Amino acid sequence: MKTLIVELDDEVAAKLERVAPGRARQRSEFIRNAVRKALWEIEEQATAEAYRRHP
């Protein structure tokens, strides 16, 4: 597994702390899932656009 360092503004960091506290090891899993979901949505959008261009 690769380690990444990501800077967040204070507002986003505070919201993240409320939904996925770091001390409970929930934060890393929350972020991994959010990235997976975002990547999946990008792939789905690309697939939908390809079908629109070539039905």
N, C-alpha and C. Protein backbone atom coordinates (compact mmCIF):
# COMPACT_ATOMS: atom_id res chain seq x y z
N MET A 1 0.86 -1.18 0.00
CA MET A 1 0.00 0.00 0.00
C MET A 1 0.90 1.23 0.00
N LYS A 2 0.53 2.21 -0.78
CA LYS A 2 1.29 3.44 -0.90
C LYS A 2 0.74 4.49 0.07
N THR A 3 1.63 5.25 0.70
CA THR A 3 1.23 6.31 1.62
C THR A 3 1.24 7.64 0.87
N LEU A 4 0.16 8.40 1.01
CA LEU A 4 0.05 9.72 0.40
C LEU A 4 -0.18 10.76 1.49
N ILE A 5 0.33 11.94 1.28
CA ILE A 5 0.07 13.05 2.19
C ILE A 5 -0.82 14.04 1.44
N VAL A 6 -1.95 14.38 2.05
CA VAL A 6 -2.92 15.27 1.42
C VAL A 6 -3.19 16.42 2.37
N GLU A 7 -3.12 17.64 1.87
CA GLU A 7 -3.43 18.81 2.68
C GLU A 7 -4.89 19.18 2.47
N LEU A 8 -5.60 19.43 3.58
CA LEU A 8 -7.00 19.84 3.54
C LEU A 8 -7.14 21.18 4.23
N ASP A 9 -8.09 21.98 3.76
CA ASP A 9 -8.33 23.23 4.48
C ASP A 9 -9.01 22.91 5.81
N ASP A 10 -9.00 23.86 6.71
CA ASP A 10 -9.50 23.63 8.07
C ASP A 10 -10.95 23.17 8.11
N GLU A 11 -11.79 23.75 7.26
CA GLU A 11 -13.21 23.39 7.25
C GLU A 11 -13.41 21.93 6.84
N VAL A 12 -12.74 21.52 5.78
CA VAL A 12 -12.87 20.13 5.31
C VAL A 12 -12.29 19.17 6.35
N ALA A 13 -11.16 19.53 6.94
CA ALA A 13 -10.54 18.68 7.96
C ALA A 13 -11.46 18.51 9.17
N ALA A 14 -12.13 19.57 9.58
CA ALA A 14 -13.05 19.48 10.72
C ALA A 14 -14.24 18.59 10.39
N LYS A 15 -14.78 18.72 9.19
CA LYS A 15 -15.90 17.87 8.78
C LYS A 15 -15.47 16.41 8.72
N LEU A 16 -14.29 16.16 8.20
CA LEU A 16 -13.77 14.80 8.12
C LEU A 16 -13.59 14.22 9.52
N GLU A 17 -13.08 15.00 10.44
CA GLU A 17 -12.89 14.54 11.82
C GLU A 17 -14.22 14.15 12.46
N ARG A 18 -15.30 14.87 12.13
CA ARG A 18 -16.61 14.55 12.70
C ARG A 18 -17.15 13.22 12.17
N VAL A 19 -16.96 12.95 10.89
CA VAL A 19 -17.53 11.73 10.32
C VAL A 19 -16.59 10.53 10.37
N ALA A 20 -15.29 10.78 10.47
CA ALA A 20 -14.31 9.68 10.48
C ALA A 20 -13.12 10.06 11.35
N PRO A 21 -13.27 9.90 12.66
CA PRO A 21 -12.18 10.28 13.57
C PRO A 21 -10.90 9.50 13.28
N GLY A 22 -9.77 10.20 13.31
CA GLY A 22 -8.49 9.56 13.02
C GLY A 22 -8.07 8.55 14.06
N ARG A 23 -8.38 8.79 15.30
CA ARG A 23 -7.91 7.90 16.37
C ARG A 23 -8.58 6.53 16.31
N ALA A 24 -9.72 6.42 15.66
CA ALA A 24 -10.41 5.14 15.56
C ALA A 24 -10.03 4.40 14.27
N ARG A 25 -9.05 4.91 13.54
CA ARG A 25 -8.59 4.33 12.27
C ARG A 25 -9.68 4.32 11.22
N GLN A 26 -10.72 5.11 11.42
CA GLN A 26 -11.80 5.18 10.45
C GLN A 26 -11.46 6.14 9.31
N ARG A 27 -10.63 7.10 9.60
CA ARG A 27 -10.36 8.15 8.61
C ARG A 27 -9.71 7.59 7.35
N SER A 28 -8.69 6.78 7.50
CA SER A 28 -8.01 6.24 6.32
C SER A 28 -8.95 5.41 5.46
N GLU A 29 -9.76 4.58 6.10
CA GLU A 29 -10.71 3.75 5.35
C GLU A 29 -11.75 4.63 4.66
N PHE A 30 -12.22 5.66 5.35
CA PHE A 30 -13.19 6.59 4.77
C PHE A 30 -12.60 7.24 3.52
N ILE A 31 -11.36 7.71 3.61
CA ILE A 31 -10.72 8.38 2.48
C ILE A 31 -10.48 7.39 1.34
N ARG A 32 -10.02 6.18 1.66
CA ARG A 32 -9.82 5.17 0.61
C ARG A 32 -11.13 4.89 -0.13
N ASN A 33 -12.21 4.73 0.62
CA ASN A 33 -13.51 4.47 -0.01
C ASN A 33 -13.98 5.66 -0.85
N ALA A 34 -13.75 6.87 -0.36
CA ALA A 34 -14.15 8.07 -1.11
C ALA A 34 -13.38 8.16 -2.43
N VAL A 35 -12.09 7.84 -2.40
CA VAL A 35 -11.28 7.87 -3.62
C VAL A 35 -11.75 6.79 -4.58
N ARG A 36 -11.99 5.58 -4.06
CA ARG A 36 -12.50 4.49 -4.92
C ARG A 36 -13.81 4.90 -5.59
N LYS A 37 -14.71 5.49 -4.81
CA LYS A 37 -16.01 5.90 -5.35
C LYS A 37 -15.83 6.97 -6.43
N ALA A 38 -14.97 7.95 -6.17
CA ALA A 38 -14.74 9.01 -7.15
C ALA A 38 -14.15 8.45 -8.44
N LEU A 39 -13.21 7.53 -8.32
CA LEU A 39 -12.61 6.93 -9.51
C LEU A 39 -13.63 6.10 -10.28
N TRP A 40 -14.46 5.35 -9.56
CA TRP A 40 -15.51 4.56 -10.21
C TRP A 40 -16.48 5.46 -10.96
N GLU A 41 -16.87 6.59 -10.33
CA GLU A 41 -17.80 7.52 -10.98
C GLU A 41 -17.19 8.12 -12.25
N ILE A 42 -15.90 8.41 -12.22
CA ILE A 42 -15.23 8.93 -13.42
C ILE A 42 -15.25 7.88 -14.53
N GLU A 43 -14.97 6.63 -14.19
CA GLU A 43 -15.01 5.55 -15.18
C GLU A 43 -16.42 5.37 -15.74
N GLU A 44 -17.42 5.42 -14.88
CA GLU A 44 -18.81 5.28 -15.34
C GLU A 44 -19.20 6.42 -16.27
N GLN A 45 -18.78 7.62 -15.94
CA GLN A 45 -19.08 8.78 -16.78
C GLN A 45 -18.42 8.62 -18.15
N ALA A 46 -17.17 8.17 -18.16
CA ALA A 46 -16.47 7.97 -19.44
C ALA A 46 -17.17 6.90 -20.27
N THR A 47 -17.63 5.84 -19.63
CA THR A 47 -18.35 4.78 -20.34
C THR A 47 -19.66 5.31 -20.92
N ALA A 48 -20.40 6.08 -20.12
CA ALA A 48 -21.67 6.64 -20.59
C ALA A 48 -21.44 7.58 -21.77
N GLU A 49 -20.39 8.39 -21.70
CA GLU A 49 -20.09 9.30 -22.81
C GLU A 49 -19.72 8.53 -24.07
N ALA A 50 -18.98 7.45 -23.91
CA ALA A 50 -18.62 6.62 -25.07
C ALA A 50 -19.86 6.02 -25.72
N TYR A 51 -20.80 5.56 -24.91
CA TYR A 51 -22.05 5.00 -25.46
C TYR A 51 -22.88 6.08 -26.15
N ARG A 52 -22.86 7.30 -25.64
CA ARG A 52 -23.60 8.38 -26.30
C ARG A 52 -22.99 8.71 -27.66
N ARG A 53 -21.66 8.65 -27.74
CA ARG A 53 -20.99 8.95 -29.01
C ARG A 53 -21.16 7.82 -30.02
N HIS A 54 -21.16 6.58 -29.52
CA HIS A 54 -21.26 5.39 -30.39
C HIS A 54 -22.26 4.41 -29.80
N PRO A 55 -23.55 4.67 -30.00
CA PRO A 55 -24.59 3.81 -29.40
C PRO A 55 -24.60 2.39 -29.93
